Amino acid sequence: MKDPKAYDLLSFVVLWLGFHQGLYPFGAKIFGWRPRLALALRLPGPLWWIVSAFVVVAAVVLLDRIDKAKKRRHPAS
């Protein structure tokens, strides 16, 4: 990626997916919300929280790797 803004966009997408598919289902279960796009809530029993937790961990790891790649490619940014 030649432009540092591309890394920022990728970070935003990963952050949005991590929140909406990872953290949001936990809040939805606690407060009784019915979000349409939280796909993990369509899974049965304990499987939905395992998938949501995995999405949160994967998002954190990806955000770290994207940030390191951006700093390596564009040290002045």
N, C-alpha and C. Protein backbone atom coordinates (compact mmCIF):
# COMPACT_ATOMS: atom_id res chain seq x y z
N MET A 1 0.84 -1.16 0.00
CA MET A 1 0.00 0.00 0.00
C MET A 1 0.89 1.23 0.00
N LYS A 2 0.69 2.06 -0.98
CA LYS A 2 1.55 3.23 -1.13
C LYS A 2 1.11 4.41 -0.29
N ASP A 3 -0.15 4.47 0.05
CA ASP A 3 -0.68 5.61 0.78
C ASP A 3 -0.96 5.22 2.23
N PRO A 4 -0.53 6.04 3.21
CA PRO A 4 -0.84 5.70 4.60
C PRO A 4 -2.33 5.72 4.91
N LYS A 5 -3.10 6.43 4.10
CA LYS A 5 -4.56 6.46 4.31
C LYS A 5 -5.18 5.09 4.05
N ALA A 6 -4.55 4.30 3.20
CA ALA A 6 -5.06 2.94 2.94
C ALA A 6 -4.95 2.09 4.20
N TYR A 7 -3.85 2.27 4.94
CA TYR A 7 -3.71 1.56 6.21
C TYR A 7 -4.77 2.03 7.22
N ASP A 8 -5.04 3.33 7.20
CA ASP A 8 -6.06 3.86 8.10
C ASP A 8 -7.44 3.31 7.76
N LEU A 9 -7.74 3.21 6.48
CA LEU A 9 -9.02 2.64 6.05
C LEU A 9 -9.13 1.18 6.45
N LEU A 10 -8.06 0.44 6.24
CA LEU A 10 -8.06 -0.97 6.63
C LEU A 10 -8.22 -1.13 8.14
N SER A 11 -7.57 -0.27 8.90
CA SER A 11 -7.72 -0.29 10.35
C SER A 11 -9.15 0.01 10.76
N PHE A 12 -9.77 0.98 10.09
CA PHE A 12 -11.16 1.31 10.40
C PHE A 12 -12.09 0.13 10.12
N VAL A 13 -11.89 -0.54 9.00
CA VAL A 13 -12.73 -1.69 8.65
C VAL A 13 -12.57 -2.80 9.69
N VAL A 14 -11.34 -3.09 10.07
CA VAL A 14 -11.09 -4.14 11.07
C VAL A 14 -11.69 -3.74 12.42
N LEU A 15 -11.54 -2.47 12.80
CA LEU A 15 -12.11 -2.00 14.05
C LEU A 15 -13.64 -2.08 14.03
N TRP A 16 -14.25 -1.68 12.93
CA TRP A 16 -15.70 -1.73 12.82
C TRP A 16 -16.20 -3.18 12.90
N LEU A 17 -15.54 -4.07 12.16
CA LEU A 17 -15.96 -5.48 12.20
C LEU A 17 -15.72 -6.08 13.58
N GLY A 18 -14.59 -5.74 14.20
CA GLY A 18 -14.30 -6.25 15.54
C GLY A 18 -15.33 -5.80 16.55
N PHE A 19 -15.77 -4.54 16.43
CA PHE A 19 -16.78 -4.05 17.35
C PHE A 19 -18.14 -4.68 17.06
N HIS A 20 -18.53 -4.62 15.79
CA HIS A 20 -19.89 -5.02 15.45
C HIS A 20 -20.09 -6.53 15.50
N GLN A 21 -19.07 -7.30 15.20
CA GLN A 21 -19.20 -8.75 15.22
C GLN A 21 -18.61 -9.39 16.49
N GLY A 22 -17.84 -8.60 17.26
CA GLY A 22 -17.22 -9.15 18.45
C GLY A 22 -17.78 -8.61 19.74
N LEU A 23 -17.70 -7.31 19.95
CA LEU A 23 -18.15 -6.71 21.21
C LEU A 23 -19.65 -6.49 21.26
N TYR A 24 -20.23 -6.07 20.18
CA TYR A 24 -21.64 -5.72 20.14
C TYR A 24 -22.56 -6.89 20.53
N PRO A 25 -22.28 -8.14 20.11
CA PRO A 25 -23.14 -9.25 20.53
C PRO A 25 -23.19 -9.44 22.05
N PHE A 26 -22.08 -9.17 22.74
CA PHE A 26 -22.10 -9.29 24.21
C PHE A 26 -23.06 -8.27 24.81
N GLY A 27 -22.96 -7.03 24.35
CA GLY A 27 -23.88 -6.00 24.84
C GLY A 27 -25.32 -6.28 24.45
N ALA A 28 -25.51 -6.83 23.26
CA ALA A 28 -26.86 -7.16 22.81
C ALA A 28 -27.50 -8.22 23.69
N LYS A 29 -26.74 -9.20 24.09
CA LYS A 29 -27.29 -10.24 24.97
C LYS A 29 -27.61 -9.69 26.35
N ILE A 30 -26.73 -8.82 26.85
CA ILE A 30 -26.95 -8.27 28.18
C ILE A 30 -28.19 -7.38 28.21
N PHE A 31 -28.35 -6.52 27.21
CA PHE A 31 -29.44 -5.55 27.20
C PHE A 31 -30.67 -6.00 26.41
N GLY A 32 -30.61 -7.19 25.81
CA GLY A 32 -31.76 -7.72 25.11
C GLY A 32 -32.00 -7.13 23.73
N TRP A 33 -30.99 -6.57 23.12
CA TRP A 33 -31.13 -6.00 21.77
C TRP A 33 -31.17 -7.12 20.75
N ARG A 34 -31.69 -6.82 19.59
CA ARG A 34 -31.76 -7.77 18.47
C ARG A 34 -31.10 -7.18 17.23
N PRO A 35 -29.78 -7.09 17.21
CA PRO A 35 -29.11 -6.54 16.03
C PRO A 35 -29.19 -7.50 14.85
N ARG A 36 -29.38 -6.94 13.67
CA ARG A 36 -29.50 -7.78 12.47
C ARG A 36 -28.16 -8.23 11.94
N LEU A 37 -27.14 -7.38 12.06
CA LEU A 37 -25.86 -7.69 11.45
C LEU A 37 -24.90 -8.46 12.35
N ALA A 38 -25.24 -8.68 13.60
CA ALA A 38 -24.38 -9.45 14.50
C ALA A 38 -24.61 -10.93 14.23
N LEU A 39 -23.80 -11.46 13.33
CA LEU A 39 -24.01 -12.83 12.86
C LEU A 39 -23.78 -13.88 13.94
N ALA A 40 -22.92 -13.59 14.91
CA ALA A 40 -22.63 -14.57 15.96
C ALA A 40 -23.86 -14.88 16.80
N LEU A 41 -24.79 -13.94 16.90
CA LEU A 41 -25.99 -14.18 17.72
C LEU A 41 -26.93 -15.20 17.09
N ARG A 42 -26.72 -15.53 15.87
CA ARG A 42 -27.54 -16.56 15.21
C ARG A 42 -27.08 -17.97 15.57
N LEU A 43 -25.94 -18.07 16.25
CA LEU A 43 -25.41 -19.38 16.65
C LEU A 43 -26.03 -19.81 17.97
N PRO A 44 -26.08 -21.12 18.22
CA PRO A 44 -26.67 -21.60 19.48
C PRO A 44 -25.73 -21.45 20.67
N GLY A 45 -26.36 -21.41 21.84
CA GLY A 45 -25.71 -21.51 23.13
C GLY A 45 -24.35 -20.86 23.29
N PRO A 46 -23.41 -21.62 23.81
CA PRO A 46 -22.11 -21.01 24.11
C PRO A 46 -21.25 -20.76 22.86
N LEU A 47 -21.68 -21.28 21.73
CA LEU A 47 -20.88 -21.09 20.51
C LEU A 47 -20.83 -19.64 20.08
N TRP A 48 -21.90 -18.87 20.30
CA TRP A 48 -21.91 -17.48 19.86
C TRP A 48 -20.86 -16.66 20.61
N TRP A 49 -20.68 -16.91 21.93
CA TRP A 49 -19.70 -16.10 22.65
C TRP A 49 -18.28 -16.53 22.36
N ILE A 50 -18.07 -17.79 22.00
CA ILE A 50 -16.74 -18.24 21.59
C ILE A 50 -16.36 -17.55 20.28
N VAL A 51 -17.29 -17.50 19.34
CA VAL A 51 -17.03 -16.84 18.06
C VAL A 51 -16.83 -15.34 18.27
N SER A 52 -17.64 -14.72 19.09
CA SER A 52 -17.49 -13.28 19.34
C SER A 52 -16.15 -12.97 20.01
N ALA A 53 -15.76 -13.78 20.97
CA ALA A 53 -14.46 -13.57 21.63
C ALA A 53 -13.32 -13.76 20.64
N PHE A 54 -13.44 -14.74 19.76
CA PHE A 54 -12.41 -14.96 18.75
C PHE A 54 -12.31 -13.75 17.81
N VAL A 55 -13.45 -13.17 17.44
CA VAL A 55 -13.45 -12.00 16.57
C VAL A 55 -12.76 -10.82 17.26
N VAL A 56 -13.01 -10.64 18.55
CA VAL A 56 -12.37 -9.54 19.29
C VAL A 56 -10.85 -9.74 19.31
N VAL A 57 -10.42 -10.95 19.63
CA VAL A 57 -8.98 -11.23 19.68
C VAL A 57 -8.35 -11.06 18.29
N ALA A 58 -9.01 -11.57 17.28
CA ALA A 58 -8.48 -11.44 15.91
C ALA A 58 -8.40 -9.98 15.49
N ALA A 59 -9.38 -9.18 15.86
CA ALA A 59 -9.36 -7.77 15.51
C ALA A 59 -8.21 -7.05 16.20
N VAL A 60 -7.98 -7.35 17.47
CA VAL A 60 -6.86 -6.72 18.19
C VAL A 60 -5.53 -7.09 17.55
N VAL A 61 -5.36 -8.36 17.22
CA VAL A 61 -4.12 -8.81 16.58
C VAL A 61 -3.95 -8.15 15.21
N LEU A 62 -5.00 -8.11 14.42
CA LEU A 62 -4.91 -7.48 13.10
C LEU A 62 -4.63 -5.99 13.19
N LEU A 63 -5.26 -5.31 14.14
CA LEU A 63 -4.99 -3.88 14.30
C LEU A 63 -3.53 -3.63 14.67
N ASP A 64 -2.97 -4.47 15.51
CA ASP A 64 -1.56 -4.34 15.87
C ASP A 64 -0.66 -4.57 14.66
N ARG A 65 -0.96 -5.60 13.89
CA ARG A 65 -0.13 -5.90 12.71
C ARG A 65 -0.25 -4.82 11.64
N ILE A 66 -1.45 -4.28 11.46
CA ILE A 66 -1.65 -3.21 10.48
C ILE A 66 -0.87 -1.96 10.91
N ASP A 67 -0.92 -1.65 12.21
CA ASP A 67 -0.19 -0.48 12.71
C ASP A 67 1.32 -0.65 12.54
N LYS A 68 1.84 -1.83 12.84
CA LYS A 68 3.27 -2.08 12.65
C LYS A 68 3.66 -2.00 11.17
N ALA A 69 2.82 -2.53 10.29
CA ALA A 69 3.11 -2.47 8.86
C ALA A 69 3.09 -1.03 8.36
N LYS A 70 2.15 -0.24 8.87
CA LYS A 70 2.08 1.17 8.48
C LYS A 70 3.32 1.92 8.94
N LYS A 71 3.76 1.67 10.17
CA LYS A 71 4.96 2.33 10.67
C LYS A 71 6.22 1.88 9.93
N ARG A 72 6.26 0.64 9.52
CA ARG A 72 7.41 0.13 8.78
C ARG A 72 7.45 0.72 7.38
N ARG A 73 6.30 0.82 6.74
CA ARG A 73 6.22 1.32 5.36
C ARG A 73 6.31 2.85 5.30
N HIS A 74 5.70 3.52 6.26
CA HIS A 74 5.65 4.98 6.30
C HIS A 74 6.09 5.47 7.68
N PRO A 75 7.40 5.52 7.94
CA PRO A 75 7.86 5.86 9.29
C PRO A 75 7.52 7.30 9.71
N ALA A 76 7.28 8.21 8.79
CA ALA A 76 6.99 9.60 9.14
C ALA A 76 5.52 9.79 9.52
N SER A 77 4.65 8.83 9.22
CA SER A 77 3.22 8.99 9.47
C SER A 77 2.87 8.73 10.91
